[in-house]
N, C-alpha and C. Protein backbone atom coordinates (compact mmCIF):
# COMPACT_ATOMS: atom_id res chain seq x y z
N MET A 1 86.64 93.91 116.19
CA MET A 1 86.50 93.90 114.84
C MET A 1 85.92 95.23 114.26
N LEU A 2 86.67 95.80 113.42
CA LEU A 2 86.46 96.93 112.48
C LEU A 2 85.18 96.89 111.92
N LYS A 3 84.37 98.08 112.14
CA LYS A 3 83.07 98.43 111.62
C LYS A 3 83.28 98.74 110.11
N THR A 4 82.41 98.26 109.28
CA THR A 4 82.54 98.44 107.94
C THR A 4 82.35 99.98 107.58
N GLN A 5 81.09 100.54 107.60
CA GLN A 5 80.59 101.65 107.53
C GLN A 5 80.92 102.27 106.10
N GLY A 6 81.84 103.04 105.89
CA GLY A 6 82.11 103.46 104.60
C GLY A 6 82.69 102.44 103.42
N PHE A 7 83.53 101.70 104.32
CA PHE A 7 84.20 100.57 103.51
C PHE A 7 83.27 99.54 102.93
N HIS A 8 83.42 98.90 101.62
CA HIS A 8 82.49 97.77 101.13
C HIS A 8 82.57 96.83 102.27
N ARG A 9 83.85 96.25 102.64
CA ARG A 9 84.02 95.28 103.79
C ARG A 9 85.18 95.80 104.73
N PRO A 10 85.07 95.11 105.59
CA PRO A 10 86.13 95.71 106.74
C PRO A 10 87.58 95.12 106.47
N PRO A 11 88.74 95.77 106.51
CA PRO A 11 89.80 95.23 106.20
C PRO A 11 90.17 94.03 107.15
N ALA A 12 90.61 92.90 106.53
CA ALA A 12 90.77 91.81 107.23
C ALA A 12 92.35 90.92 106.75
N PRO A 13 92.85 90.26 107.35
CA PRO A 13 94.03 89.50 106.88
C PRO A 13 93.90 88.84 105.61
N VAL A 14 94.89 89.20 104.49
CA VAL A 14 94.77 88.86 103.29
C VAL A 14 96.05 88.74 102.74
N THR A 15 96.16 87.70 101.87
CA THR A 15 97.36 87.39 101.02
C THR A 15 97.34 88.13 99.55
N LEU A 16 98.48 88.91 99.30
CA LEU A 16 98.22 89.66 97.91
C LEU A 16 99.54 89.32 97.24
N GLU A 17 99.34 89.21 95.80
CA GLU A 17 100.61 88.55 95.27
C GLU A 17 100.44 89.00 93.69
N GLY A 18 101.72 89.53 93.31
CA GLY A 18 102.14 89.80 91.78
C GLY A 18 103.34 90.62 91.58
N HIS A 19 103.61 90.51 90.32
CA HIS A 19 104.95 91.13 89.97
C HIS A 19 106.25 90.79 90.84
N GLY A 20 106.34 89.43 91.07
CA GLY A 20 107.32 89.06 91.89
C GLY A 20 107.42 89.21 93.40
N VAL A 21 106.18 89.66 94.01
CA VAL A 21 106.34 89.80 95.44
C VAL A 21 104.83 89.33 95.87
N LYS A 22 105.05 88.83 97.26
CA LYS A 22 103.84 88.43 97.89
C LYS A 22 103.73 89.11 99.08
N LEU A 23 102.46 89.56 99.67
CA LEU A 23 102.33 90.16 100.76
C LEU A 23 101.44 89.19 101.66
N VAL A 24 102.00 88.88 102.62
CA VAL A 24 101.25 87.84 103.59
C VAL A 24 101.17 88.43 104.97
N PRO A 25 100.12 88.06 105.55
CA PRO A 25 99.75 88.54 107.16
C PRO A 25 100.98 88.16 107.92
N LEU A 26 101.41 89.38 108.59
CA LEU A 26 102.55 89.27 109.51
C LEU A 26 102.32 88.75 110.83
N GLY A 27 103.07 88.02 111.15
CA GLY A 27 102.94 86.85 112.55
C GLY A 27 104.11 86.66 113.21
N PRO A 28 104.15 86.23 114.20
CA PRO A 28 105.44 85.86 114.98
C PRO A 28 106.52 85.08 114.45
N GLU A 29 106.07 84.22 113.44
CA GLU A 29 106.93 83.47 112.64
C GLU A 29 107.98 84.26 111.99
N HIS A 30 107.46 85.55 111.47
CA HIS A 30 108.51 86.29 110.58
C HIS A 30 109.50 86.95 111.39
N ALA A 31 109.58 86.91 112.85
CA ALA A 31 110.54 87.69 113.50
C ALA A 31 112.00 87.38 113.13
N ALA A 32 112.43 86.49 113.07
CA ALA A 32 113.74 86.04 112.72
C ALA A 32 114.15 86.53 111.13
N ASP A 33 113.04 86.34 110.33
CA ASP A 33 113.55 86.79 108.91
C ASP A 33 113.43 88.38 108.97
N LEU A 34 112.66 88.99 109.72
CA LEU A 34 112.45 90.73 109.79
C LEU A 34 113.91 91.23 110.23
N GLU A 35 114.43 90.38 111.35
CA GLU A 35 115.75 90.64 111.87
C GLU A 35 116.92 90.85 110.77
N ALA A 36 116.91 89.62 109.98
CA ALA A 36 117.92 89.35 108.83
C ALA A 36 117.83 90.54 107.80
N ALA A 37 116.50 90.82 107.47
CA ALA A 37 116.14 92.00 106.53
C ALA A 37 116.62 93.27 107.07
N ALA A 38 116.26 93.71 108.32
CA ALA A 38 116.83 95.02 109.07
C ALA A 38 118.35 95.04 109.00
N ALA A 39 118.94 93.96 109.19
CA ALA A 39 120.43 93.86 109.41
C ALA A 39 121.15 94.13 107.85
N ASP A 40 120.42 94.13 106.90
CA ASP A 40 120.92 94.25 105.66
C ASP A 40 120.86 95.68 105.53
N GLY A 41 121.95 96.40 105.85
CA GLY A 41 121.92 97.92 105.75
C GLY A 41 121.93 98.52 107.24
N LYS A 42 121.58 97.80 108.45
CA LYS A 42 121.48 98.12 109.46
C LYS A 42 120.59 99.44 109.63
N LEU A 43 119.32 99.16 109.37
CA LEU A 43 118.21 100.04 108.96
C LEU A 43 117.66 100.73 110.24
N TRP A 44 117.97 100.07 111.28
CA TRP A 44 117.61 100.77 112.68
C TRP A 44 118.46 101.75 113.02
N GLN A 45 119.55 102.14 112.32
CA GLN A 45 120.29 103.28 112.53
C GLN A 45 119.71 104.62 111.81
N LEU A 46 118.92 104.28 111.01
CA LEU A 46 118.39 105.51 110.24
C LEU A 46 117.40 106.62 111.27
N ARG A 47 117.61 107.81 111.40
CA ARG A 47 117.16 108.44 112.11
C ARG A 47 115.78 108.44 111.81
N VAL A 48 115.18 108.51 110.59
CA VAL A 48 113.83 109.04 110.21
C VAL A 48 112.93 107.81 109.90
N THR A 49 113.36 106.57 110.36
CA THR A 49 112.47 105.45 110.31
C THR A 49 112.15 104.72 111.58
N SER A 50 111.34 103.66 111.84
CA SER A 50 111.33 103.06 113.06
C SER A 50 111.48 101.45 112.85
N VAL A 51 112.55 101.13 112.11
CA VAL A 51 113.00 99.92 111.94
C VAL A 51 113.32 99.44 113.36
N PRO A 52 112.98 97.88 113.65
CA PRO A 52 113.21 97.49 114.99
C PRO A 52 114.73 97.21 115.00
N GLU A 53 115.35 97.54 116.15
CA GLU A 53 116.85 97.19 116.46
C GLU A 53 116.96 95.75 116.43
N PRO A 54 118.33 95.32 116.46
CA PRO A 54 118.62 93.96 116.82
C PRO A 54 117.89 93.33 118.07
N GLY A 55 117.19 92.19 117.92
CA GLY A 55 116.41 91.59 119.15
C GLY A 55 115.33 92.19 119.34
N ALA A 56 114.58 93.16 118.52
CA ALA A 56 113.25 93.71 119.02
C ALA A 56 112.35 93.51 117.98
N ALA A 57 112.64 92.71 116.97
CA ALA A 57 111.46 92.37 115.93
C ALA A 57 110.28 91.51 116.46
N ALA A 58 110.52 90.67 117.48
CA ALA A 58 109.40 90.05 118.18
C ALA A 58 108.41 90.94 118.62
N ALA A 59 109.07 92.05 119.43
CA ALA A 59 108.08 93.13 120.04
C ALA A 59 107.67 93.87 118.84
N TYR A 60 108.13 94.25 118.10
CA TYR A 60 107.69 95.02 116.80
C TYR A 60 106.50 94.44 116.30
N ILE A 61 106.44 92.92 115.98
CA ILE A 61 105.48 92.22 115.64
C ILE A 61 104.26 92.17 116.52
N GLU A 62 104.68 92.03 117.69
CA GLU A 62 103.64 92.07 118.65
C GLU A 62 102.61 93.15 118.92
N THR A 63 103.45 94.54 118.70
CA THR A 63 102.74 95.80 118.59
C THR A 63 101.86 95.77 117.45
N ALA A 64 102.49 95.27 116.35
CA ALA A 64 101.48 95.41 115.13
C ALA A 64 100.21 94.53 115.18
N LEU A 65 100.36 93.36 115.97
CA LEU A 65 99.25 92.42 115.81
C LEU A 65 98.18 92.87 116.88
N LYS A 66 98.74 93.64 117.94
CA LYS A 66 97.83 94.28 118.93
C LYS A 66 97.01 95.32 118.27
N GLY A 67 97.80 96.06 117.26
CA GLY A 67 96.89 97.05 116.55
C GLY A 67 96.00 96.59 115.51
N GLN A 68 96.36 95.41 115.01
CA GLN A 68 95.39 94.57 114.17
C GLN A 68 94.18 93.99 115.05
N GLN A 69 94.19 93.50 116.25
CA GLN A 69 93.42 93.03 117.21
C GLN A 69 92.39 94.13 117.54
N GLU A 70 93.13 95.37 117.84
CA GLU A 70 92.24 96.68 118.06
C GLU A 70 91.47 97.16 116.93
N GLY A 71 91.73 96.70 115.56
CA GLY A 71 90.97 97.18 114.57
C GLY A 71 91.59 98.42 113.81
N ASN A 72 92.78 98.81 114.23
CA ASN A 72 93.31 99.94 113.41
C ASN A 72 94.56 99.58 112.78
N MET A 73 95.05 98.57 112.39
CA MET A 73 96.34 98.15 111.75
C MET A 73 96.05 96.76 110.97
N LEU A 74 96.76 96.55 109.86
CA LEU A 74 96.67 95.52 109.16
C LEU A 74 98.13 95.24 108.65
N PRO A 75 98.86 94.55 109.27
CA PRO A 75 100.30 94.35 108.81
C PRO A 75 100.65 93.22 107.92
N PHE A 76 101.70 93.30 107.07
CA PHE A 76 101.97 92.17 106.20
C PHE A 76 103.48 92.01 106.27
N ALA A 77 104.02 90.92 105.95
CA ALA A 77 105.43 90.57 105.63
C ALA A 77 105.45 90.57 104.01
N ILE A 78 106.61 91.16 103.72
CA ILE A 78 106.82 91.15 102.20
C ILE A 78 107.82 90.21 101.73
N VAL A 79 107.31 89.40 101.04
CA VAL A 79 108.11 88.22 100.35
C VAL A 79 108.35 88.14 99.02
N GLU A 80 109.67 88.09 98.79
CA GLU A 80 110.27 88.00 97.25
C GLU A 80 109.90 86.43 96.62
N GLN A 81 109.09 86.60 95.66
CA GLN A 81 108.78 85.21 95.32
C GLN A 81 109.52 84.10 94.76
N GLY A 82 110.51 84.75 94.16
CA GLY A 82 111.52 83.86 93.67
C GLY A 82 112.36 82.89 94.59
N SER A 83 112.72 83.80 95.66
CA SER A 83 113.47 83.10 96.87
C SER A 83 112.61 82.65 98.12
N GLY A 84 111.42 83.23 98.30
CA GLY A 84 110.78 82.89 99.14
C GLY A 84 111.26 83.75 100.52
N GLN A 85 112.11 84.65 100.34
CA GLN A 85 112.54 85.36 101.31
C GLN A 85 111.92 86.42 101.82
N VAL A 86 111.53 86.61 103.20
CA VAL A 86 111.04 88.06 103.59
C VAL A 86 111.96 89.08 103.52
N ILE A 87 111.55 90.04 102.88
CA ILE A 87 112.41 91.18 102.57
C ILE A 87 111.97 92.55 103.11
N GLY A 88 110.97 92.57 103.82
CA GLY A 88 110.48 93.79 104.51
C GLY A 88 109.00 93.57 105.22
N THR A 89 108.50 94.63 105.52
CA THR A 89 107.16 94.92 105.95
C THR A 89 106.36 96.07 105.64
N THR A 90 105.18 95.97 105.61
CA THR A 90 104.37 97.17 105.32
C THR A 90 103.05 97.03 106.09
N ARG A 91 102.16 98.14 106.04
CA ARG A 91 100.69 97.77 106.82
C ARG A 91 99.79 98.75 106.27
N TYR A 92 98.51 98.48 106.46
CA TYR A 92 97.61 99.36 106.46
C TYR A 92 97.39 99.90 107.96
N TYR A 93 96.91 101.09 108.04
CA TYR A 93 96.77 101.63 109.38
C TYR A 93 95.69 102.90 109.48
N ASP A 94 95.51 103.29 110.62
CA ASP A 94 94.76 104.49 110.95
C ASP A 94 93.42 104.50 109.97
N PHE A 95 92.60 103.45 110.28
CA PHE A 95 91.40 103.22 109.35
C PHE A 95 90.35 104.49 109.86
N VAL A 96 89.59 104.89 109.09
CA VAL A 96 88.37 105.95 109.59
C VAL A 96 87.23 105.41 108.81
N PRO A 97 86.56 104.22 109.09
CA PRO A 97 85.60 103.66 108.60
C PRO A 97 84.20 104.61 108.08
N ALA A 98 84.05 105.43 108.69
CA ALA A 98 83.14 106.45 108.34
C ALA A 98 83.21 107.17 106.96
N ILE A 99 84.61 107.51 106.59
CA ILE A 99 84.83 107.97 105.39
C ILE A 99 85.55 107.20 104.41
N ALA A 100 85.71 105.75 104.92
CA ALA A 100 86.35 104.74 104.02
C ALA A 100 87.87 105.44 103.80
N ARG A 101 88.45 105.97 104.92
CA ARG A 101 89.94 106.37 104.70
C ARG A 101 90.88 105.50 105.34
N LEU A 102 91.99 105.29 104.76
CA LEU A 102 93.18 104.47 105.47
C LEU A 102 94.43 104.89 105.04
N GLU A 103 95.40 104.57 105.68
CA GLU A 103 96.90 104.87 105.43
C GLU A 103 97.68 103.69 105.23
N ILE A 104 98.74 103.81 104.37
CA ILE A 104 99.79 102.84 104.18
C ILE A 104 101.14 103.44 104.75
N GLY A 105 101.79 102.48 105.44
CA GLY A 105 103.06 103.12 106.12
C GLY A 105 103.64 101.96 106.73
N HIS A 106 104.50 102.27 107.66
CA HIS A 106 105.35 101.36 108.66
C HIS A 106 106.00 100.41 107.56
N THR A 107 106.49 101.10 106.26
CA THR A 107 107.08 100.24 105.27
C THR A 107 108.79 100.37 105.19
N TRP A 108 109.52 99.09 105.28
CA TRP A 108 110.76 99.12 104.94
C TRP A 108 111.18 97.98 104.31
N TYR A 109 112.30 98.02 103.61
CA TYR A 109 112.72 96.80 103.00
C TYR A 109 114.45 96.74 103.20
N ALA A 110 114.76 95.38 103.22
CA ALA A 110 116.20 95.20 103.35
C ALA A 110 116.80 96.14 102.22
N ARG A 111 118.13 96.50 102.43
CA ARG A 111 118.72 97.61 101.75
C ARG A 111 118.90 97.22 100.24
N ARG A 112 119.31 95.81 100.06
CA ARG A 112 119.42 95.41 98.68
C ARG A 112 118.09 95.43 97.64
N TRP A 113 117.08 95.47 98.59
CA TRP A 113 115.65 95.54 97.67
C TRP A 113 115.15 97.07 97.58
N GLN A 114 115.93 97.98 98.09
CA GLN A 114 115.55 99.37 98.12
C GLN A 114 115.93 99.97 96.65
N ARG A 115 115.14 100.88 96.00
CA ARG A 115 115.20 101.32 94.79
C ARG A 115 115.22 100.17 93.65
N THR A 116 114.41 99.23 93.97
CA THR A 116 114.02 98.15 92.72
C THR A 116 112.50 98.30 92.65
N HIS A 117 111.86 97.27 91.77
CA HIS A 117 110.61 97.09 91.51
C HIS A 117 109.79 96.94 92.87
N VAL A 118 110.31 96.38 93.79
CA VAL A 118 109.56 95.83 94.92
C VAL A 118 108.58 96.85 95.45
N ASN A 119 108.93 98.29 95.73
CA ASN A 119 108.09 99.07 96.44
C ASN A 119 106.93 99.42 95.36
N THR A 120 107.09 99.59 94.10
CA THR A 120 105.98 99.76 93.30
C THR A 120 105.05 98.61 93.15
N ALA A 121 105.54 97.25 93.24
CA ALA A 121 104.92 96.16 93.10
C ALA A 121 103.91 96.08 94.49
N SER A 122 104.64 96.26 95.45
CA SER A 122 103.90 96.29 96.66
C SER A 122 102.85 97.37 96.95
N LYS A 123 103.05 98.46 96.63
CA LYS A 123 102.13 99.54 96.61
C LYS A 123 100.98 99.27 95.42
N LEU A 124 101.23 98.69 94.25
CA LEU A 124 100.28 98.39 93.27
C LEU A 124 99.21 97.53 94.20
N LEU A 125 99.75 96.26 94.70
CA LEU A 125 98.93 95.46 95.30
C LEU A 125 97.96 95.98 96.38
N LEU A 126 98.63 96.71 97.30
CA LEU A 126 97.91 97.39 98.42
C LEU A 126 96.81 98.36 98.04
N LEU A 127 97.16 99.21 96.98
CA LEU A 127 96.37 100.23 96.52
C LEU A 127 95.10 99.52 95.75
N ARG A 128 95.35 98.71 95.01
CA ARG A 128 94.31 97.87 94.20
C ARG A 128 93.48 97.25 95.24
N HIS A 129 93.94 96.56 96.26
CA HIS A 129 93.07 96.04 97.18
C HIS A 129 92.23 96.93 97.93
N ALA A 130 92.99 98.22 98.39
CA ALA A 130 92.16 99.09 99.26
C ALA A 130 91.10 99.71 98.35
N PHE A 131 91.27 100.12 96.99
CA PHE A 131 90.34 100.57 96.56
C PHE A 131 89.09 99.90 95.63
N GLU A 132 89.75 98.59 95.13
CA GLU A 132 88.84 97.80 94.52
C GLU A 132 88.17 96.57 95.25
N HIS A 133 88.72 96.36 96.44
CA HIS A 133 87.90 95.42 97.42
C HIS A 133 87.26 95.94 98.75
N LEU A 134 88.10 96.82 99.20
CA LEU A 134 87.73 97.34 100.49
C LEU A 134 86.92 98.58 100.31
N GLY A 135 86.99 99.14 99.12
CA GLY A 135 86.22 100.47 98.74
C GLY A 135 86.63 101.55 99.35
N ALA A 136 87.97 101.60 99.54
CA ALA A 136 88.53 102.96 100.26
C ALA A 136 88.22 104.24 99.23
N GLN A 137 88.01 105.26 99.75
CA GLN A 137 87.76 106.37 98.98
C GLN A 137 89.00 107.42 99.24
N VAL A 138 89.96 106.99 100.16
CA VAL A 138 91.05 107.72 99.94
C VAL A 138 92.18 106.92 100.80
N VAL A 139 93.50 106.90 100.23
CA VAL A 139 94.58 106.17 100.80
C VAL A 139 95.63 107.37 100.99
N CYS A 140 96.12 107.21 102.11
CA CYS A 140 97.04 108.31 102.70
C CYS A 140 98.54 107.81 103.17
N TRP A 141 99.57 108.73 102.99
CA TRP A 141 100.87 108.42 103.52
C TRP A 141 101.12 109.46 104.41
N ARG A 142 102.08 109.17 105.36
CA ARG A 142 102.75 110.08 106.04
C ARG A 142 104.38 109.76 106.16
N THR A 143 105.28 110.73 106.13
CA THR A 143 106.50 110.45 106.27
C THR A 143 107.37 111.79 106.89
N ASP A 144 108.40 111.61 107.45
CA ASP A 144 109.35 112.29 108.08
C ASP A 144 109.69 113.49 107.15
N LYS A 145 109.75 114.62 107.43
CA LYS A 145 110.15 115.83 106.63
C LYS A 145 111.55 115.41 106.13
N PHE A 146 112.41 114.75 106.91
CA PHE A 146 113.76 114.71 106.40
C PHE A 146 114.13 113.22 105.72
N ASN A 147 112.87 112.56 105.59
CA ASN A 147 113.05 111.26 104.86
C ASN A 147 112.84 111.62 103.56
N PHE A 148 113.77 111.97 102.54
CA PHE A 148 113.63 112.47 101.33
C PHE A 148 113.64 111.27 100.43
N ALA A 149 114.10 110.12 100.71
CA ALA A 149 113.95 108.74 99.94
C ALA A 149 112.42 108.55 99.99
N SER A 150 111.76 108.48 101.10
CA SER A 150 110.42 108.10 101.23
C SER A 150 109.62 109.03 100.51
N GLN A 151 109.88 110.28 100.38
CA GLN A 151 108.91 111.36 99.76
C GLN A 151 109.03 111.09 98.34
N ARG A 152 110.34 110.78 97.81
CA ARG A 152 110.36 110.52 96.32
C ARG A 152 109.59 109.23 95.99
N ALA A 153 109.80 108.23 96.72
CA ALA A 153 108.95 107.14 96.42
C ALA A 153 107.65 107.35 96.46
N ILE A 154 107.11 108.01 97.42
CA ILE A 154 105.65 108.29 97.33
C ILE A 154 105.04 109.24 96.45
N GLU A 155 105.91 109.96 95.99
CA GLU A 155 105.59 110.88 94.64
C GLU A 155 105.64 110.30 93.58
N ARG A 156 106.46 109.07 93.47
CA ARG A 156 106.48 108.59 92.06
C ARG A 156 105.30 107.68 91.92
N LEU A 157 104.75 107.33 92.99
CA LEU A 157 103.45 106.53 92.88
C LEU A 157 102.24 107.38 92.33
N GLY A 158 102.42 108.61 92.43
CA GLY A 158 101.41 109.59 91.89
C GLY A 158 100.53 109.94 92.95
N ALA A 159 100.98 110.00 94.19
CA ALA A 159 100.41 110.56 95.15
C ALA A 159 100.38 112.08 95.21
N HIS A 160 99.45 112.77 95.83
CA HIS A 160 99.53 114.30 96.05
C HIS A 160 100.02 114.54 97.24
N LYS A 161 100.77 115.59 97.17
CA LYS A 161 101.39 116.20 98.63
C LYS A 161 100.29 117.31 98.99
N ASP A 162 99.77 116.75 100.26
CA ASP A 162 98.89 117.61 100.93
C ASP A 162 99.19 118.65 101.72
N GLY A 163 100.53 118.58 102.32
CA GLY A 163 101.19 119.36 103.13
C GLY A 163 102.01 119.02 104.25
N VAL A 164 102.54 119.86 105.21
CA VAL A 164 103.18 119.48 106.33
C VAL A 164 102.59 119.70 107.78
N LEU A 165 102.50 118.75 108.55
CA LEU A 165 102.01 118.93 109.84
C LEU A 165 103.40 119.30 110.76
N ARG A 166 103.42 120.37 111.25
CA ARG A 166 104.59 120.90 111.96
C ARG A 166 104.61 120.43 113.42
N HIS A 167 105.71 120.02 113.82
CA HIS A 167 105.81 119.63 115.20
C HIS A 167 104.98 118.48 115.75
N HIS A 168 105.02 117.42 114.98
CA HIS A 168 103.79 116.45 115.04
C HIS A 168 104.10 115.26 115.76
N MET A 169 105.25 114.61 115.47
CA MET A 169 105.41 113.24 116.07
C MET A 169 106.85 113.14 116.73
N LEU A 170 107.14 112.34 117.71
CA LEU A 170 108.32 112.04 118.28
C LEU A 170 108.88 110.97 117.60
N ARG A 171 110.35 111.22 117.15
CA ARG A 171 111.04 110.11 116.75
C ARG A 171 111.53 109.34 117.63
N ARG A 172 112.18 108.20 117.23
CA ARG A 172 112.77 107.31 118.42
C ARG A 172 113.86 107.98 119.13
N ASP A 173 114.60 108.83 118.62
CA ASP A 173 115.63 109.32 119.51
C ASP A 173 115.30 110.61 120.37
N GLY A 174 113.85 110.78 120.38
CA GLY A 174 113.42 111.75 121.14
C GLY A 174 113.18 113.18 120.66
N THR A 175 113.52 113.53 119.42
CA THR A 175 113.37 114.74 118.83
C THR A 175 111.88 114.60 118.38
N VAL A 176 111.38 115.77 117.77
CA VAL A 176 110.12 115.97 117.44
C VAL A 176 110.32 116.43 115.88
N ARG A 177 109.60 115.39 115.01
CA ARG A 177 109.46 115.61 113.50
C ARG A 177 108.36 116.46 113.03
N ASP A 178 108.57 117.09 111.92
CA ASP A 178 107.53 117.62 111.19
C ASP A 178 107.15 116.46 109.99
N THR A 179 105.89 116.13 109.74
CA THR A 179 105.30 115.07 109.11
C THR A 179 104.75 115.60 107.75
N VAL A 180 105.24 115.13 106.30
CA VAL A 180 104.85 115.31 105.12
C VAL A 180 103.50 114.21 104.87
N MET A 181 102.58 114.93 104.44
CA MET A 181 101.20 114.13 104.32
C MET A 181 100.94 113.93 102.69
N TYR A 182 100.57 112.85 102.29
CA TYR A 182 100.25 112.70 100.87
C TYR A 182 98.88 111.84 100.99
N SER A 183 98.16 111.94 99.79
CA SER A 183 97.11 111.39 99.51
C SER A 183 96.75 110.87 98.03
N LEU A 184 95.80 109.78 97.85
CA LEU A 184 95.38 109.45 96.72
C LEU A 184 93.88 109.26 96.76
N LEU A 185 92.90 109.99 95.86
CA LEU A 185 91.65 109.68 95.95
C LEU A 185 91.13 108.55 95.08
N ALA A 186 89.96 107.81 95.28
CA ALA A 186 89.60 106.72 94.54
C ALA A 186 89.32 107.20 93.16
N GLY A 187 89.03 108.48 92.82
CA GLY A 187 88.83 108.62 91.46
C GLY A 187 90.15 108.99 90.63
N GLU A 188 91.38 109.07 91.43
CA GLU A 188 92.64 109.18 90.81
C GLU A 188 93.17 107.92 90.51
N TRP A 189 92.64 106.80 91.14
CA TRP A 189 93.23 105.37 91.10
C TRP A 189 93.35 104.80 89.55
N PRO A 190 92.57 104.96 88.72
CA PRO A 190 92.38 104.03 87.66
C PRO A 190 93.69 104.73 86.66
N GLU A 191 93.84 105.88 86.66
CA GLU A 191 95.15 106.45 86.04
C GLU A 191 96.54 106.13 86.66
N VAL A 192 96.37 106.10 88.16
CA VAL A 192 97.64 105.94 88.88
C VAL A 192 97.96 104.25 88.55
N GLU A 193 96.86 103.36 88.39
CA GLU A 193 96.97 101.91 88.29
C GLU A 193 97.71 101.79 86.90
N LYS A 194 97.48 102.44 86.07
CA LYS A 194 97.89 102.26 84.80
C LYS A 194 99.40 102.48 84.71
N HIS A 195 99.55 103.98 85.47
CA HIS A 195 101.13 104.29 85.32
C HIS A 195 101.97 103.15 86.23
N LEU A 196 101.65 102.66 87.21
CA LEU A 196 102.04 101.59 87.96
C LEU A 196 102.44 100.55 87.35
N GLU A 197 101.45 99.97 86.51
CA GLU A 197 101.58 98.75 85.71
C GLU A 197 102.61 98.89 84.63
N TYR A 198 102.48 100.27 84.11
CA TYR A 198 103.50 100.55 82.84
C TYR A 198 104.86 100.33 83.62
N ARG A 199 105.16 101.23 84.74
CA ARG A 199 106.43 101.00 85.10
C ARG A 199 107.04 99.65 85.40
N LEU A 200 106.05 98.89 86.09
CA LEU A 200 106.53 97.31 86.18
C LEU A 200 106.78 96.67 85.07
N ASN A 201 105.82 96.90 84.09
CA ASN A 201 106.11 96.15 82.75
C ASN A 201 107.27 96.44 82.00
N LEU A 202 107.67 97.61 82.26
CA LEU A 202 109.27 98.12 81.73
C LEU A 202 110.10 97.28 82.63
N HIS A 203 109.97 97.37 83.69
CA HIS A 203 111.01 96.52 84.57
C HIS A 203 110.99 95.00 84.15
N HIS A 204 109.89 94.26 83.92
CA HIS A 204 110.05 92.96 83.46
C HIS A 204 110.45 92.71 82.09
N ALA A 205 110.04 93.78 81.41
CA ALA A 205 110.67 93.79 79.76
C ALA A 205 112.13 93.84 79.68
N GLY A 206 112.69 94.77 80.85
CA GLY A 206 114.08 94.84 80.70
C GLY A 206 115.07 93.73 81.40
């Protein structure tokens, strides 16, 4: 069990919903749906992500749940509320309870849901829960230097670009990537929340 320390309460499985999406605790029952989501766009072929290859979703989920059991991950399946379809996944991870720090990552969506309101809605739910319920003092993101779509998506949330960690991590193809780091502080959250709500209200009005 993760110690609370700087958090108000330890991160634990929870369902979050709003603006047409629902984030539910990831489980083995989601393997087939994640396979289908990854097949929409053959996302495993993208060099700058770690989307599971065909037949690998069950192991992908098992690894995420092992991280949850060890207290350093909290994975979700992302569900489109209208259809009830699993369209992707995301997670909290890299908890540092002593300073109430966590990261959001391992996020991907079926291609037809990319560049829609889904990422904004999912991040609004995750950030609200992190800051207002868990008591996080900072939420962070990391992404591949060449994952420009991910960088733009993070920056649209209002996150601050902290810098680049050079020669930081192995990619799936065995090459070494530079990692771009972003963060959002608790004191910045109220304004960012208003910004995200505004964007989602524009979407729903349209």
